[in-house]
Structure formats: structure tokens, C-alpha cells
Amino acid sequence: MNVRSATPDDFEAITAVARETWHDTYDELEPETIDQTVDNWYTDDSMPLEAPGTVVLVAERDGELVGFTHAVVQGETADILRMYVHPEQQGEGIGSALHERLIAEIVSTDAEQVRSIDFAFNDASRAFYEGLGFEQTDEGDVEIDGEYYSEAIYTLDL
């Protein structure tokens, strides 16, 4: 497996992984809502590769993009906004490899804390981040298609 920085050519595959993962993971959302959200949130406009503090990494296996992560570092805090592994590849260490490389990138900045934000109902995400030493430290809400969903915020001090 290869973990590398994303390029503009990766966005079609990033969107495909996000779509498959959202449909597999987020049963609480309507399929049409998922498709619309993925189309809006997983583009080169929503993850600008050249923006200061932006880190977008992809994981490839056998030439196929199987996972990605996106974080933004602002001052002493880095926010992991996205971390997805294709459902058929989950449990194979891809998320851990992405996380390890992402943390190395973040450590090279002035960040002293990393936060991860995900739907509160995503038990797999909670288990993943808690297994990496994160603790849930806050809650929030995100609006999707006029509906509000609870988010859990996990924190790790570097």
C-alpha cells in the first residue's frame, strides 16, 4: 500500500470512495441526501490542495485509491475533517496508515492538538479514534439538506 499526497487527478476516486463509504456507514441519512452531500463536499473546491494548512492524503493499493483523509491545520490546532476507507477494504490497516502519515504531517507544523469531527452516531469512527488515543471532548451539529445531525468531536494532544 502507498500513502501519498493527493493530486487534482484523485478527486474522482476520492468522491467514489466517499460515496461508497457514506452509503455503507450512514444509514440514518436518505440515499439522495448522501449523494447530494458527497457531490458538494468531496471536490477540489471543498478540499483545496494548495490552501495553506491543508493536507489531503490518499491510500492506494494495487494502483487503486482505497482511502483518503483531509485535515486543516490552523495555528495550534489541526482538524481532521475526513477519513474514509472503502467499505470492502476496512479493517486492513489502511485507516491506521493514513492516520500515521497524517499525524506526521501535522507534527511538522506548530499544531499541538488534533481534533476529529464525525457524526455522533458513527460507532466505527468512535472506536477507531478512541483506539488511537483520542477522547471525545465536545459535541456539535452539522446541517445537511435542512436537517441537523449531532457530531462528536474527538481530541488528541500531540
C-alpha atoms as a PDB file:
ATOM      1  CA  MET A   1       0.000   0.000   0.000  1.00  0.00           C
ATOM      2  CA  ASN A   2       1.117   3.520  -0.808  1.00  0.00           C
ATOM      3  CA  VAL A   3       0.080   6.649   1.126  1.00  0.00           C
ATOM      4  CA  ARG A   4       0.808   9.885  -0.699  1.00  0.00           C
ATOM      5  CA  SER A   5      -0.342  13.465  -1.096  1.00  0.00           C
ATOM      6  CA  ALA A   6      -3.448  13.832  -3.224  1.00  0.00           C
ATOM      7  CA  THR A   7      -3.364  15.409  -6.673  1.00  0.00           C
ATOM      8  CA  PRO A   8      -6.200  17.011  -8.655  1.00  0.00           C
ATOM      9  CA  ASP A   9      -6.455  13.791 -10.662  1.00  0.00           C
ATOM     10  CA  ASP A  10      -7.513  11.912  -7.486  1.00  0.00           C
ATOM     11  CA  PHE A  11     -10.834  13.693  -6.914  1.00  0.00           C
ATOM     12  CA  GLU A  12     -12.979  11.373  -8.997  1.00  0.00           C
ATOM     13  CA  ALA A  13     -11.699   8.379  -6.994  1.00  0.00           C
ATOM     14  CA  ILE A  14     -11.943  10.320  -3.698  1.00  0.00           C
ATOM     15  CA  THR A  15     -15.592  11.065  -4.455  1.00  0.00           C
ATOM     16  CA  ALA A  16     -16.241   7.407  -5.318  1.00  0.00           C
ATOM     17  CA  VAL A  17     -14.709   6.196  -2.024  1.00  0.00           C
ATOM     18  CA  ALA A  18     -16.667   8.828  -0.072  1.00  0.00           C
ATOM     19  CA  ARG A  19     -19.938   7.839  -1.776  1.00  0.00           C
ATOM     20  CA  GLU A  20     -19.465   4.102  -1.142  1.00  0.00           C
ATOM     21  CA  THR A  21     -18.461   4.716   2.470  1.00  0.00           C
ATOM     22  CA  TRP A  22     -21.315   7.115   3.217  1.00  0.00           C
ATOM     23  CA  HIS A  23     -23.887   4.706   1.759  1.00  0.00           C
ATOM     24  CA  ASP A  24     -22.375   1.833   3.744  1.00  0.00           C
ATOM     25  CA  THR A  25     -21.994   3.744   7.019  1.00  0.00           C
ATOM     26  CA  TYR A  26     -24.687   6.381   7.371  1.00  0.00           C
ATOM     27  CA  ASP A  27     -27.996   4.511   7.392  1.00  0.00           C
ATOM     28  CA  GLU A  28     -29.559   7.458   9.215  1.00  0.00           C
ATOM     29  CA  LEU A  29     -29.395   9.542   6.019  1.00  0.00           C
ATOM     30  CA  GLU A  30     -31.538   9.178   2.919  1.00  0.00           C
ATOM     31  CA  PRO A  31     -29.620   7.890  -0.149  1.00  0.00           C
ATOM     32  CA  GLU A  32     -30.447  11.061  -2.121  1.00  0.00           C
ATOM     33  CA  THR A  33     -29.143  13.211   0.742  1.00  0.00           C
ATOM     34  CA  ILE A  34     -25.923  11.208   0.779  1.00  0.00           C
ATOM     35  CA  ASP A  35     -25.389  11.604  -2.963  1.00  0.00           C
ATOM     36  CA  GLN A  36     -26.063  15.336  -2.863  1.00  0.00           C
ATOM     37  CA  THR A  37     -23.778  15.850   0.142  1.00  0.00           C
ATOM     38  CA  VAL A  38     -20.951  13.817  -1.378  1.00  0.00           C
ATOM     39  CA  ASP A  39     -21.262  15.749  -4.639  1.00  0.00           C
ATOM     40  CA  ASN A  40     -20.966  19.021  -2.692  1.00  0.00           C
ATOM     41  CA  TRP A  41     -18.344  18.103  -0.095  1.00  0.00           C
ATOM     42  CA  TYR A  42     -15.813  15.952  -1.966  1.00  0.00           C
ATOM     43  CA  THR A  43     -14.451  18.181  -4.687  1.00  0.00           C
ATOM     44  CA  ASP A  44     -11.259  20.048  -5.354  1.00  0.00           C
ATOM     45  CA  ASP A  45     -13.155  23.214  -4.312  1.00  0.00           C
ATOM     46  CA  SER A  46     -14.060  21.807  -0.880  1.00  0.00           C
ATOM     47  CA  MET A  47     -10.599  20.305  -0.344  1.00  0.00           C
ATOM     48  CA  PRO A  48      -8.274  22.853  -1.975  1.00  0.00           C
ATOM     49  CA  LEU A  49      -4.923  21.124  -2.205  1.00  0.00           C
ATOM     50  CA  GLU A  50      -2.908  24.343  -2.380  1.00  0.00           C
ATOM     51  CA  ALA A  51      -4.600  26.125   0.537  1.00  0.00           C
ATOM     52  CA  PRO A  52      -2.275  26.893   3.463  1.00  0.00           C
ATOM     53  CA  GLY A  53      -2.554  24.287   6.207  1.00  0.00           C
ATOM     54  CA  THR A  54      -4.498  21.817   4.054  1.00  0.00           C
ATOM     55  CA  VAL A  55      -3.379  18.199   3.996  1.00  0.00           C
ATOM     56  CA  VAL A  56      -5.121  15.688   1.729  1.00  0.00           C
ATOM     57  CA  LEU A  57      -3.637  12.207   1.596  1.00  0.00           C
ATOM     58  CA  VAL A  58      -4.723   9.146  -0.352  1.00  0.00           C
ATOM     59  CA  ALA A  59      -4.026   5.451   0.108  1.00  0.00           C
ATOM     60  CA  GLU A  60      -3.549   3.251  -2.932  1.00  0.00           C
ATOM     61  CA  ARG A  61      -3.422  -0.489  -3.178  1.00  0.00           C
ATOM     62  CA  ASP A  62      -2.576  -2.192  -6.459  1.00  0.00           C
ATOM     63  CA  GLY A  63      -2.963   1.136  -8.264  1.00  0.00           C
ATOM     64  CA  GLU A  64      -6.480   1.740  -6.907  1.00  0.00           C
ATOM     65  CA  LEU A  65      -7.381   4.530  -4.497  1.00  0.00           C
ATOM     66  CA  VAL A  66      -8.900   2.806  -1.447  1.00  0.00           C
ATOM     67  CA  GLY A  67      -8.920   5.569   1.164  1.00  0.00           C
ATOM     68  CA  PHE A  68      -8.235   9.217   1.882  1.00  0.00           C
ATOM     69  CA  THR A  69      -8.012  11.764   4.659  1.00  0.00           C
ATOM     70  CA  HIS A  70      -8.300  15.545   4.761  1.00  0.00           C
ATOM     71  CA  ALA A  71      -7.136  17.840   7.552  1.00  0.00           C
ATOM     72  CA  VAL A  72      -6.702  21.563   8.008  1.00  0.00           C
ATOM     73  CA  VAL A  73      -4.078  22.998  10.342  1.00  0.00           C
ATOM     74  CA  GLN A  74      -4.782  26.422  11.798  1.00  0.00           C
ATOM     75  CA  GLY A  75      -2.299  27.589  14.392  1.00  0.00           C
ATOM     76  CA  GLU A  76      -2.008  25.131  17.265  1.00  0.00           C
ATOM     77  CA  THR A  77      -4.999  23.018  16.204  1.00  0.00           C
ATOM     78  CA  ALA A  78      -5.436  20.584  13.335  1.00  0.00           C
ATOM     79  CA  ASP A  79      -8.893  19.382  12.382  1.00  0.00           C
ATOM     80  CA  ILE A  80      -9.321  16.037  10.660  1.00  0.00           C
ATOM     81  CA  LEU A  81     -12.368  16.714   8.542  1.00  0.00           C
ATOM     82  CA  ARG A  82     -12.469  13.480   6.571  1.00  0.00           C
ATOM     83  CA  MET A  83     -11.054   9.980   6.901  1.00  0.00           C
ATOM     84  CA  TYR A  84     -12.613   7.295   4.735  1.00  0.00           C
ATOM     85  CA  VAL A  85     -11.632   3.826   3.629  1.00  0.00           C
ATOM     86  CA  HIS A  86     -13.631   1.934   1.029  1.00  0.00           C
ATOM     87  CA  PRO A  87     -16.001  -0.452   2.881  1.00  0.00           C
ATOM     88  CA  GLU A  88     -14.504  -3.533   1.226  1.00  0.00           C
ATOM     89  CA  GLN A  89     -11.023  -2.524   2.457  1.00  0.00           C
ATOM     90  CA  GLN A  90     -11.863  -1.571   6.049  1.00  0.00           C
ATOM     91  CA  GLY A  91     -10.128  -3.454   8.834  1.00  0.00           C
ATOM     92  CA  GLU A  92      -6.955  -3.943   6.775  1.00  0.00           C
ATOM     93  CA  GLY A  93      -4.838  -1.181   8.336  1.00  0.00           C
ATOM     94  CA  ILE A  94      -5.476   1.435   5.654  1.00  0.00           C
ATOM     95  CA  GLY A  95      -7.064   3.934   8.053  1.00  0.00           C
ATOM     96  CA  SER A  96      -4.215   3.447  10.505  1.00  0.00           C
ATOM     97  CA  ALA A  97      -1.637   4.026   7.754  1.00  0.00           C
ATOM     98  CA  LEU A  98      -3.432   7.180   6.616  1.00  0.00           C
ATOM     99  CA  HIS A  99      -3.652   8.393  10.211  1.00  0.00           C
ATOM    100  CA  GLU A 100       0.033   7.723  10.898  1.00  0.00           C
ATOM    101  CA  ARG A 101       1.128   9.696   7.831  1.00  0.00           C
ATOM    102  CA  LEU A 102      -1.379  12.465   8.592  1.00  0.00           C
ATOM    103  CA  ILE A 103      -0.097  12.860  12.153  1.00  0.00           C
ATOM    104  CA  ALA A 104       3.486  13.033  10.840  1.00  0.00           C
ATOM    105  CA  GLU A 105       2.426  15.848   8.503  1.00  0.00           C
ATOM    106  CA  ILE A 106       0.628  17.654  11.331  1.00  0.00           C
ATOM    107  CA  VAL A 107       3.547  17.272  13.768  1.00  0.00           C
ATOM    108  CA  SER A 108       5.749  19.093  11.247  1.00  0.00           C
ATOM    109  CA  THR A 109       3.593  22.209  11.821  1.00  0.00           C
ATOM    110  CA  ASP A 110       3.046  24.197  15.021  1.00  0.00           C
ATOM    111  CA  ALA A 111      -0.070  22.197  15.903  1.00  0.00           C
ATOM    112  CA  GLU A 112      -0.265  20.935  19.464  1.00  0.00           C
ATOM    113  CA  GLN A 113      -3.689  19.342  19.259  1.00  0.00           C
ATOM    114  CA  VAL A 114      -5.621  17.289  16.719  1.00  0.00           C
ATOM    115  CA  ARG A 115      -9.401  17.130  16.570  1.00  0.00           C
ATOM    116  CA  SER A 116     -11.549  14.768  14.558  1.00  0.00           C
ATOM    117  CA  ILE A 117     -15.157  15.559  13.801  1.00  0.00           C
ATOM    118  CA  ASP A 118     -17.720  12.936  12.766  1.00  0.00           C
ATOM    119  CA  PHE A 119     -21.376  12.077  13.142  1.00  0.00           C
ATOM    120  CA  ALA A 120     -22.130  11.136  16.752  1.00  0.00           C
ATOM    121  CA  PHE A 121     -23.950   8.008  15.556  1.00  0.00           C
ATOM    122  CA  ASN A 122     -20.839   6.653  13.786  1.00  0.00           C
ATOM    123  CA  ASP A 123     -19.770   3.939  16.238  1.00  0.00           C
ATOM    124  CA  ALA A 124     -16.991   2.674  13.945  1.00  0.00           C
ATOM    125  CA  SER A 125     -15.418   6.122  13.835  1.00  0.00           C
ATOM    126  CA  ARG A 126     -15.607   6.465  17.607  1.00  0.00           C
ATOM    127  CA  ALA A 127     -13.914   3.088  18.089  1.00  0.00           C
ATOM    128  CA  PHE A 128     -11.231   3.961  15.519  1.00  0.00           C
ATOM    129  CA  TYR A 129     -10.312   7.298  17.076  1.00  0.00           C
ATOM    130  CA  GLU A 130     -10.532   6.108  20.669  1.00  0.00           C
ATOM    131  CA  GLY A 131      -8.253   3.220  19.698  1.00  0.00           C
ATOM    132  CA  LEU A 132      -5.717   5.824  18.564  1.00  0.00           C
ATOM    133  CA  GLY A 133      -5.861   7.651  21.896  1.00  0.00           C
ATOM    134  CA  PHE A 134      -8.409  10.345  21.045  1.00  0.00           C
ATOM    135  CA  GLU A 135     -11.038  11.286  23.623  1.00  0.00           C
ATOM    136  CA  GLN A 136     -14.453  12.750  22.930  1.00  0.00           C
ATOM    137  CA  THR A 137     -14.237  16.322  24.200  1.00  0.00           C
ATOM    138  CA  ASP A 138     -17.174  18.121  22.649  1.00  0.00           C
ATOM    139  CA  GLU A 139     -20.301  17.893  20.543  1.00  0.00           C
ATOM    140  CA  GLY A 140     -21.716  19.975  17.744  1.00  0.00           C
ATOM    141  CA  ASP A 141     -24.218  19.916  14.935  1.00  0.00           C
ATOM    142  CA  VAL A 142     -23.927  19.856  11.175  1.00  0.00           C
ATOM    143  CA  GLU A 143     -26.669  20.870   8.759  1.00  0.00           C
ATOM    144  CA  ILE A 144     -27.269  18.630   5.776  1.00  0.00           C
ATOM    145  CA  ASP A 145     -30.146  19.311   3.415  1.00  0.00           C
ATOM    146  CA  GLY A 146     -32.004  21.350   6.038  1.00  0.00           C
ATOM    147  CA  GLU A 147     -31.661  18.721   8.783  1.00  0.00           C
ATOM    148  CA  TYR A 148     -29.322  18.925  11.775  1.00  0.00           C
ATOM    149  CA  TYR A 149     -27.233  15.964  12.899  1.00  0.00           C
ATOM    150  CA  SER A 150     -25.175  15.623  16.062  1.00  0.00           C
ATOM    151  CA  GLU A 151     -21.429  15.499  15.682  1.00  0.00           C
ATOM    152  CA  ALA A 152     -18.841  14.167  18.103  1.00  0.00           C
ATOM    153  CA  ILE A 153     -15.514  15.949  18.413  1.00  0.00           C
ATOM    154  CA  TYR A 154     -12.533  13.828  19.428  1.00  0.00           C
ATOM    155  CA  THR A 155      -9.264  15.359  20.606  1.00  0.00           C
ATOM    156  CA  LEU A 156      -5.665  14.184  20.830  1.00  0.00           C
ATOM    157  CA  ASP A 157      -2.854  16.265  22.322  1.00  0.00           C
ATOM    158  CA  LEU A 158       0.420  15.950  20.431  1.00  0.00           C
END
